Each structure stands twice: as structure tokens, then as C-alpha cells.
Amino acid sequence: MSELDRWNDRFAAPGYLFGTQPNAFLASQAHRLTAGAKALSIADGEGRNGVFLAERGLDVLAVDFSAVALAKSRELAASRGVTLRTEQADILGSWTWPGAAFDVIVAIFIQFATAAEQPALFAHIKQALKPGGLLLMQGYRPEQLAYGTGGPPTVGNLYTRALLEAAFADFTAIEVHEHDDVVHEGTGHNGMSALIDLVGKK
């Protein structure tokens, strides 16, 4: 089974794999969001984070590998009375990243990128963000492997403080916070988790 087929199968199950409420870290950063700002939500899946941004008046482009997930995303948006643009995209492959196009980029648990793929992905994120733009990123730390409550089983896909601080060292400001917390995001992420958050300004 291909990786795309695997994700389509996961998203085709009834309900929402990661729930319909926004990621808690993203929700905690609502004070940084400005209505009318252009936002990119990477690997937005079934829409919980993109819809949250749209509810705050942002102009949202939600991209994901899975057309099945994006169909659910549009349904969720309609049920909440908002709209967002969706695009099926292989962001590690053929997708053409725009230059300086977004005021906000949201990257929540985008840890399908291997250690070898991360440098290019992070470079594309920086390319797509406008000068002065905001990056909101949350992922799992290597300690997550012991918890087994979500995320990839490969340590190279996970984030460390050193990795993120080096990757975004050219930003004007970054804040990195490491913490362990209980996560309740559908059945996909559920239980005590080893997390790392980044708030960055280009």
C-alpha cells in the first residue's frame, strides 16, 4: 500500500481521526492572529486547524496529501459557517511553494518528513513566509517514542530544540518550548506526549 493510500484509508474511517477541535498549542496562540491575514496550514488533514484559522477571519489555504481528508475539511468548514481554500499537494514532491505569500504558516505535527527531507521542507516554509511573518509549529520530541501515543515511529522524523533552533536561526525571533502534556486529539493523538513548540518571526 502506498503512503497516500494508507492516509486515505485512515481518513476514510467514520468521524475525524484527530478530532474537530484545533490543536491546543495553536489555540493558545490565537492572540497572535490577525483577521484578514493570509495563512497556510500545512498537512491540514480533516481541517481542524484550518477551520480554526478561518473562524478568526484569516484567509486560509489548507494543503494536504489526501483528497479524502480535504473533503472532510470542507464539510467541517461548512458546518462551522466558514470557508477555506483547499489544495491537494505533495509538499515534499511536486508542489510549487510560493514566495513570500503568507503572513502566517501553521505546521502542526508535520512529521512525515524524514531527517533527510526536513532541511528542504524548512527552507520551503521560510521561502513561503512573508518578511515579518509568523510561523507556528508543534511536533513531537524523540522522547515521544517511549509514550507511543501518536506520531511516527522513527526518531529521525522527530524534533529537538537544537534542530529547530538551527533550522530557523535566520529568523528575527524564535521561541522554543519543550514540555510533556496530555493530548486529546481524536484517536490519532491521545495520551501523554513529548511535545516541542516553536513560535517564530521571519
Protein backbone atom coordinates (compact mmCIF):
# COMPACT_ATOMS: atom_id res chain seq x y z
CA MET A 1 0.00 0.00 0.00
CA SER A 2 1.33 3.44 -0.91
CA GLU A 3 1.67 6.18 1.69
CA LEU A 4 -1.18 8.09 0.01
CA ASP A 5 -3.44 5.03 0.11
CA ARG A 6 -2.58 4.50 3.77
CA TRP A 7 -3.60 8.04 4.71
CA ASN A 8 -6.73 7.94 2.56
CA ASP A 9 -7.76 4.74 4.34
CA ARG A 10 -7.17 6.33 7.74
CA PHE A 11 -9.17 9.43 6.84
CA ALA A 12 -11.96 7.41 5.21
CA ALA A 13 -12.97 5.96 8.59
CA PRO A 14 -16.10 7.47 10.19
CA GLY A 15 -15.56 10.58 12.28
CA TYR A 16 -12.46 12.73 12.45
CA LEU A 17 -9.14 10.96 13.10
CA PHE A 18 -7.64 13.90 15.02
CA GLY A 19 -10.93 15.40 16.20
CA THR A 20 -12.60 18.64 15.15
CA GLN A 21 -11.12 20.99 17.75
CA PRO A 22 -7.93 22.88 16.96
CA ASN A 23 -4.56 21.81 18.25
CA ALA A 24 -4.17 23.18 21.79
CA PHE A 25 -0.88 24.94 21.06
CA LEU A 26 -2.37 26.66 18.01
CA ALA A 27 -5.42 27.72 20.01
CA SER A 28 -3.13 29.19 22.67
CA GLN A 29 -1.58 31.45 20.02
CA ALA A 30 -4.89 32.98 18.90
CA HIS A 31 -3.80 36.38 20.24
CA ARG A 32 -1.10 36.47 17.56
CA LEU A 33 -3.58 36.01 14.70
CA THR A 34 -4.98 38.95 12.75
CA ALA A 35 -8.20 38.86 10.73
CA GLY A 36 -7.51 39.24 7.02
CA ALA A 37 -4.01 37.76 7.23
CA LYS A 38 -3.10 35.15 4.64
CA ALA A 39 -2.44 31.78 6.27
CA LEU A 40 -1.06 28.45 5.07
CA SER A 41 -1.91 25.35 7.09
CA ILE A 42 0.47 22.56 6.08
CA ALA A 43 -0.84 18.98 6.08
CA ASP A 44 -4.13 20.31 7.42
CA GLY A 45 -5.82 16.91 7.18
CA GLU A 46 -9.53 16.98 8.00
CA GLY A 47 -9.48 20.69 8.71
CA ARG A 48 -9.49 21.22 12.46
CA ASN A 49 -6.68 23.79 12.34
CA GLY A 50 -7.54 25.45 9.05
CA VAL A 51 -11.15 25.92 10.15
CA PHE A 52 -9.96 27.42 13.44
CA LEU A 53 -7.91 29.97 11.49
CA ALA A 54 -10.84 30.75 9.18
CA GLU A 55 -13.11 31.27 12.19
CA ARG A 56 -10.72 34.02 13.26
CA GLY A 57 -11.08 35.77 9.94
CA LEU A 58 -7.87 34.63 8.28
CA ASP A 59 -7.68 33.89 4.56
CA VAL A 60 -6.67 30.22 4.73
CA LEU A 61 -5.09 27.85 2.25
CA ALA A 62 -5.17 24.30 3.63
CA VAL A 63 -2.94 21.81 1.85
CA ASP A 64 -2.84 18.07 2.34
CA PHE A 65 -1.72 14.90 0.58
CA SER A 66 -5.16 13.30 0.94
CA ALA A 67 -8.20 14.32 -1.09
CA VAL A 68 -10.32 12.28 1.33
CA ALA A 69 -9.13 14.44 4.22
CA LEU A 70 -9.71 17.68 2.32
CA ALA A 71 -13.29 16.68 1.50
CA LYS A 72 -13.91 16.30 5.24
CA SER A 73 -12.16 19.62 5.80
CA ARG A 74 -14.62 21.40 3.52
CA GLU A 75 -17.54 19.70 5.28
CA LEU A 76 -16.22 20.82 8.66
CA ALA A 77 -15.79 24.38 7.40
CA ALA A 78 -19.35 24.43 6.05
CA SER A 79 -20.71 23.12 9.36
CA ARG A 80 -18.94 25.99 11.14
CA GLY A 81 -20.09 28.63 8.66
CA VAL A 82 -16.65 29.48 7.27
CA THR A 83 -14.78 28.87 4.05
CA LEU A 84 -11.21 27.96 3.33
CA ARG A 85 -9.33 27.16 0.18
CA THR A 86 -8.03 23.60 -0.08
CA GLU A 87 -5.38 22.13 -2.33
CA GLN A 88 -4.26 18.54 -2.66
CA ALA A 89 -0.49 18.71 -2.69
CA ASP A 90 2.60 16.61 -2.21
CA ILE A 91 4.58 19.24 -0.34
CA LEU A 92 7.69 17.06 -0.28
CA GLY A 93 7.47 16.48 -4.01
CA SER A 94 5.82 18.28 -6.88
CA TRP A 95 4.10 21.19 -5.12
CA THR A 96 5.44 24.60 -6.10
CA TRP A 97 5.87 26.63 -2.93
CA PRO A 98 5.08 30.32 -3.44
CA GLY A 99 7.50 33.02 -2.42
CA ALA A 100 6.72 35.44 0.41
CA ALA A 101 2.99 34.69 0.11
CA PHE A 102 1.77 34.13 3.67
CA ASP A 103 1.55 36.19 6.84
CA VAL A 104 1.13 33.04 8.94
CA ILE A 105 2.24 29.46 8.40
CA VAL A 106 0.91 26.72 10.67
CA ALA A 107 2.83 23.44 10.81
CA ILE A 108 1.26 21.11 13.37
CA PHE A 109 2.66 17.56 13.58
CA ILE A 110 4.03 17.60 10.02
CA GLN A 111 6.47 14.86 10.95
CA PHE A 112 6.06 12.73 7.87
CA ALA A 113 9.29 14.43 6.72
CA THR A 114 12.37 12.32 7.36
CA ALA A 115 15.62 13.77 8.68
CA ALA A 116 16.88 13.91 5.10
CA GLU A 117 13.75 15.73 3.91
CA GLN A 118 13.50 18.23 6.77
CA PRO A 119 16.09 20.78 5.53
CA ALA A 120 14.28 21.28 2.22
CA LEU A 121 10.87 21.41 3.92
CA PHE A 122 12.02 24.02 6.43
CA ALA A 123 13.62 26.04 3.62
CA HIS A 124 10.34 26.00 1.70
CA ILE A 125 8.44 27.17 4.77
CA LYS A 126 10.82 30.10 5.12
CA GLN A 127 10.51 30.84 1.41
CA ALA A 128 6.71 30.97 1.58
CA LEU A 129 6.55 33.23 4.63
CA LYS A 130 6.48 37.00 4.16
CA PRO A 131 9.12 39.12 5.91
CA GLY A 132 7.80 39.69 9.42
CA GLY A 133 5.53 36.67 9.04
CA LEU A 134 4.64 34.26 11.83
CA LEU A 135 5.46 30.54 11.99
CA LEU A 136 3.57 28.37 14.48
CA MET A 137 4.93 24.83 14.70
CA GLN A 138 4.36 21.94 17.08
CA GLY A 139 5.83 18.48 16.90
CA TYR A 140 6.98 15.51 18.90
CA ARG A 141 10.40 15.16 20.54
CA PRO A 142 12.34 11.86 20.44
CA GLU A 143 11.02 11.05 23.93
CA GLN A 144 7.64 10.51 22.26
CA LEU A 145 8.76 7.06 21.14
CA ALA A 146 8.50 5.87 24.74
CA TYR A 147 4.96 7.21 25.09
CA GLY A 148 3.68 5.75 21.80
CA THR A 149 0.59 7.99 21.83
CA GLY A 150 0.92 9.35 18.30
CA GLY A 151 3.39 10.37 15.67
CA PRO A 152 5.89 8.45 13.56
CA PRO A 153 7.89 5.54 14.98
CA THR A 154 11.18 6.83 13.56
CA VAL A 155 13.40 9.08 15.67
CA GLY A 156 14.74 10.93 12.61
CA ASN A 157 11.29 12.38 11.94
CA LEU A 158 11.08 13.93 15.41
CA TYR A 159 12.29 17.37 16.54
CA THR A 160 14.83 18.56 19.05
CA ARG A 161 15.47 22.08 20.27
CA ALA A 162 18.87 22.06 18.56
CA LEU A 163 17.31 21.03 15.25
CA LEU A 164 14.67 23.78 15.25
CA GLU A 165 16.97 26.50 16.55
CA ALA A 166 19.48 25.70 13.81
CA ALA A 167 16.84 25.43 11.07
CA PHE A 168 15.32 28.82 11.89
CA ALA A 169 18.43 30.62 13.13
CA ASP A 170 17.97 33.27 10.43
CA PHE A 171 14.57 34.35 11.84
CA THR A 172 14.44 37.66 13.69
CA ALA A 173 12.96 35.90 16.73
CA ILE A 174 12.15 32.35 17.79
CA GLU A 175 10.78 30.86 20.97
CA VAL A 176 11.09 27.11 21.54
CA HIS A 177 9.27 25.37 24.39
CA GLU A 178 9.72 21.71 25.31
CA HIS A 179 7.11 20.07 27.51
CA ASP A 180 5.25 16.85 28.28
CA ASP A 181 1.46 17.13 28.29
CA VAL A 182 -1.63 15.01 27.81
CA VAL A 183 -3.01 15.42 24.30
CA HIS A 184 -6.59 14.59 23.33
CA GLU A 185 -6.92 14.90 19.55
CA GLY A 186 -9.30 12.23 18.37
CA THR A 187 -7.91 8.71 18.27
CA GLY A 188 -4.83 9.79 16.32
CA HIS A 189 -3.10 11.67 19.15
CA ASN A 190 -4.26 10.60 22.57
CA GLY A 191 -2.34 10.48 25.85
CA MET A 192 0.80 11.80 27.50
CA SER A 193 3.07 13.23 24.83
CA ALA A 194 6.58 14.69 24.48
CA LEU A 195 6.00 17.98 22.67
CA ILE A 196 8.03 20.85 21.29
CA ASP A 197 6.56 24.20 20.22
CA LEU A 198 8.10 26.90 18.06
CA VAL A 199 6.87 30.45 17.61
CA GLY A 200 8.97 32.23 15.03
CA LYS A 201 9.06 35.59 13.29
CA LYS A 202 10.79 35.83 9.94
